[in-house]
N, C-alpha and C. Protein backbone atom coordinates (compact mmCIF):
# COMPACT_ATOMS: atom_id res chain seq x y z
N UNK A 1 -40.07 21.46 24.20
CA UNK A 1 -38.87 22.21 24.08
C UNK A 1 -37.63 21.24 24.38
N UNK A 2 -37.74 20.53 25.46
CA UNK A 2 -36.69 19.55 25.85
C UNK A 2 -36.50 18.49 24.83
N UNK A 3 -37.53 18.06 24.14
CA UNK A 3 -37.42 17.05 23.04
C UNK A 3 -36.71 17.53 21.89
N UNK A 4 -36.85 18.78 21.59
CA UNK A 4 -36.11 19.45 20.46
C UNK A 4 -34.62 19.51 20.80
N UNK A 5 -34.35 19.93 22.03
CA UNK A 5 -33.05 20.05 22.49
C UNK A 5 -32.25 18.62 22.42
N UNK A 6 -33.04 17.64 22.75
CA UNK A 6 -32.43 16.31 22.73
C UNK A 6 -32.15 15.82 21.28
N UNK A 7 -33.03 16.22 20.41
CA UNK A 7 -32.85 15.86 18.95
C UNK A 7 -31.69 16.67 18.39
N UNK A 8 -31.52 17.91 18.68
CA UNK A 8 -30.39 18.62 18.22
C UNK A 8 -29.14 18.11 18.81
N UNK A 9 -29.12 17.80 20.09
CA UNK A 9 -27.93 17.23 20.74
C UNK A 9 -27.53 15.89 20.10
N UNK A 10 -28.44 15.03 19.72
CA UNK A 10 -28.21 13.73 19.11
C UNK A 10 -27.66 14.03 17.73
N UNK A 11 -28.19 14.99 17.00
CA UNK A 11 -27.67 15.29 15.64
C UNK A 11 -26.23 15.83 15.71
N UNK A 12 -26.00 16.64 16.70
CA UNK A 12 -24.67 17.21 16.89
C UNK A 12 -23.63 16.17 17.18
N UNK A 13 -24.02 15.26 18.11
CA UNK A 13 -23.17 14.10 18.51
C UNK A 13 -22.81 13.17 17.29
N UNK A 14 -23.84 12.94 16.50
CA UNK A 14 -23.60 12.15 15.25
C UNK A 14 -22.65 12.83 14.30
N UNK A 15 -22.86 14.15 14.15
CA UNK A 15 -21.97 14.91 13.26
C UNK A 15 -20.59 14.96 13.79
N UNK A 16 -20.38 15.15 15.06
CA UNK A 16 -19.04 15.05 15.65
C UNK A 16 -18.37 13.74 15.43
N UNK A 17 -19.14 12.72 15.64
CA UNK A 17 -18.64 11.34 15.49
C UNK A 17 -18.21 11.18 14.02
N UNK A 18 -19.03 11.59 13.09
CA UNK A 18 -18.75 11.49 11.67
C UNK A 18 -17.43 12.25 11.28
N UNK A 19 -17.39 13.49 11.76
CA UNK A 19 -16.15 14.30 11.54
C UNK A 19 -14.93 13.62 12.08
N UNK A 20 -15.06 13.08 13.24
CA UNK A 20 -13.90 12.37 13.94
C UNK A 20 -13.47 11.19 13.09
N UNK A 21 -14.44 10.37 12.54
CA UNK A 21 -14.08 9.23 11.76
C UNK A 21 -13.35 9.69 10.41
N UNK A 22 -13.87 10.75 9.87
CA UNK A 22 -13.24 11.24 8.63
C UNK A 22 -11.84 11.71 8.92
N UNK A 23 -11.65 12.44 10.01
CA UNK A 23 -10.35 12.99 10.35
C UNK A 23 -9.38 11.79 10.64
N UNK A 24 -9.83 10.73 11.29
CA UNK A 24 -9.00 9.63 11.56
C UNK A 24 -8.66 8.89 10.25
N UNK A 25 -9.48 8.84 9.30
CA UNK A 25 -9.27 8.24 8.04
C UNK A 25 -8.24 9.00 7.21
N UNK A 26 -8.40 10.34 7.30
CA UNK A 26 -7.40 11.23 6.56
C UNK A 26 -5.96 11.02 7.19
N UNK A 27 -5.94 10.91 8.51
CA UNK A 27 -4.61 10.66 9.12
C UNK A 27 -4.08 9.34 8.70
N UNK A 28 -4.92 8.36 8.58
CA UNK A 28 -4.52 7.05 8.07
C UNK A 28 -3.97 7.15 6.65
N UNK A 29 -4.54 7.89 5.81
CA UNK A 29 -3.99 8.16 4.47
C UNK A 29 -2.63 8.73 4.52
N UNK A 30 -2.48 9.72 5.42
CA UNK A 30 -1.12 10.25 5.59
C UNK A 30 -0.08 9.26 6.09
N UNK A 31 -0.49 8.45 7.01
CA UNK A 31 0.38 7.48 7.57
C UNK A 31 0.80 6.46 6.53
N UNK A 32 -0.19 6.07 5.71
CA UNK A 32 0.17 5.13 4.61
C UNK A 32 0.91 5.73 3.39
N UNK A 33 1.11 7.04 3.42
CA UNK A 33 1.78 7.76 2.36
C UNK A 33 0.98 7.88 1.02
N UNK A 34 -0.36 7.87 1.20
CA UNK A 34 -1.14 7.95 -0.04
C UNK A 34 -1.00 9.32 -0.65
N UNK A 35 -1.11 9.31 -2.01
CA UNK A 35 -1.20 10.48 -2.76
C UNK A 35 -2.57 11.09 -2.64
N UNK A 36 -2.76 12.25 -3.23
CA UNK A 36 -4.12 12.88 -3.05
C UNK A 36 -5.15 12.05 -3.79
N UNK A 37 -4.83 11.46 -4.97
CA UNK A 37 -5.77 10.57 -5.68
C UNK A 37 -6.08 9.30 -4.93
N UNK A 38 -5.06 8.73 -4.30
CA UNK A 38 -5.21 7.48 -3.56
C UNK A 38 -6.07 7.81 -2.34
N UNK A 39 -5.87 8.91 -1.67
CA UNK A 39 -6.67 9.29 -0.53
C UNK A 39 -8.07 9.47 -0.92
N UNK A 40 -8.36 10.06 -2.06
CA UNK A 40 -9.75 10.19 -2.60
C UNK A 40 -10.38 8.81 -2.71
N UNK A 41 -9.61 7.85 -3.26
CA UNK A 41 -10.13 6.46 -3.47
C UNK A 41 -10.44 5.97 -2.13
N UNK A 42 -9.49 6.09 -1.15
CA UNK A 42 -9.70 5.58 0.21
C UNK A 42 -10.90 6.14 0.86
N UNK A 43 -11.13 7.38 0.76
CA UNK A 43 -12.26 7.98 1.43
C UNK A 43 -13.63 7.60 0.79
N UNK A 44 -13.59 7.32 -0.53
CA UNK A 44 -14.82 6.78 -1.20
C UNK A 44 -15.08 5.38 -0.67
N UNK A 45 -14.02 4.57 -0.51
CA UNK A 45 -14.10 3.23 -0.04
C UNK A 45 -14.58 3.21 1.43
N UNK A 46 -14.04 4.18 2.27
CA UNK A 46 -14.47 4.23 3.67
C UNK A 46 -15.91 4.67 3.71
N UNK A 47 -16.38 5.55 2.88
CA UNK A 47 -17.84 5.88 2.83
C UNK A 47 -18.73 4.74 2.50
N UNK A 48 -18.24 3.84 1.74
CA UNK A 48 -18.98 2.63 1.27
C UNK A 48 -18.77 1.47 2.24
N UNK A 49 -18.03 1.69 3.39
CA UNK A 49 -17.86 0.67 4.34
C UNK A 49 -16.71 -0.32 4.02
N UNK A 50 -15.79 0.19 3.17
CA UNK A 50 -14.66 -0.69 2.81
C UNK A 50 -13.40 0.03 3.18
N UNK A 51 -12.26 -0.55 2.83
CA UNK A 51 -10.93 0.01 3.07
C UNK A 51 -10.07 -0.21 1.83
N UNK A 52 -8.86 0.25 1.87
CA UNK A 52 -7.93 0.15 0.78
C UNK A 52 -6.65 -0.41 1.25
N UNK A 53 -5.90 -1.06 0.38
CA UNK A 53 -4.59 -1.57 0.59
C UNK A 53 -3.62 -1.16 -0.51
N UNK A 54 -2.48 -0.60 -0.19
CA UNK A 54 -1.53 -0.23 -1.24
C UNK A 54 -0.60 -1.42 -1.36
N UNK A 55 -0.52 -1.93 -2.59
CA UNK A 55 0.25 -3.18 -2.83
C UNK A 55 1.42 -2.80 -3.73
N UNK A 56 2.50 -3.57 -3.69
CA UNK A 56 3.64 -3.48 -4.53
C UNK A 56 3.62 -4.77 -5.30
N UNK A 57 3.72 -4.66 -6.69
CA UNK A 57 3.64 -5.85 -7.55
C UNK A 57 5.02 -5.98 -8.24
N UNK A 58 5.58 -7.15 -8.20
CA UNK A 58 6.81 -7.50 -8.80
C UNK A 58 6.53 -8.01 -10.19
N UNK A 59 7.06 -7.50 -11.24
CA UNK A 59 6.93 -7.96 -12.61
C UNK A 59 8.27 -8.09 -13.29
N UNK A 60 8.32 -9.07 -14.22
CA UNK A 60 9.49 -9.12 -15.02
C UNK A 60 9.76 -7.89 -15.83
N UNK A 61 11.01 -7.52 -16.10
CA UNK A 61 11.31 -6.35 -16.75
C UNK A 61 10.65 -6.25 -18.20
N UNK A 62 10.54 -7.41 -18.84
CA UNK A 62 10.02 -7.50 -20.22
C UNK A 62 8.48 -7.15 -20.13
N UNK A 63 7.80 -7.46 -19.04
CA UNK A 63 6.37 -7.24 -18.97
C UNK A 63 6.04 -5.77 -18.48
N UNK A 64 6.93 -5.05 -17.98
CA UNK A 64 6.70 -3.71 -17.41
C UNK A 64 6.50 -2.70 -18.48
């Protein structure tokens, strides 16, 4: 019985850690001013062990 309780506790701890990380990433999206679509991209990148960077690109008016 104690072994089952330990496994359940471990699973709950992992789930809480995962939810905490997701929440932190969503706050990061808000901090960065990401749109909903940009936040979706960021969360997929986070799931894959990557991150995102929002960049501003300067172009000549003729090329825009």
